[in-house]
């Protein structure tokens, strides 16, 4: 795999991870923390997903020659979600959002984003395959 193809792949992964999922996370950040301005919610969502997606891409690219199993792919997805939640909670404390209770803002947003993704997949399958 050439350097140029790796950079193109990284650009596509970051575009999906940061722009789409980060924007969805920004909506949930604003729902959970109403006093946070919208621009800070967008910055927080994009920044947390940029960092975790970039490091996840690097780890996945380094592990690709070893042909990881499906379990490793699931573990990488869970690691991506957890690292996004940790970065989001850590960054939100810089904006004055205190962690209340057992879970921070990042975990709340990750749970909501994952639930939204699951529900949208189910609705899409029901719409596309109504008789199945």
Foldseek 3Di string as FASTA:
>chain_A
DDPVVLVVVLVVQLCCQQVPLLVLLLVLLCVVPVVDDSVVSSVLSNVLSNVLSVVLSVVCVVCVVVPDDVVVVVVSVVSSLVSSLVSSQVVVVVVVQDADDDGRSSVSSSVVSVVVVVVVVVVVCCVVPVPD
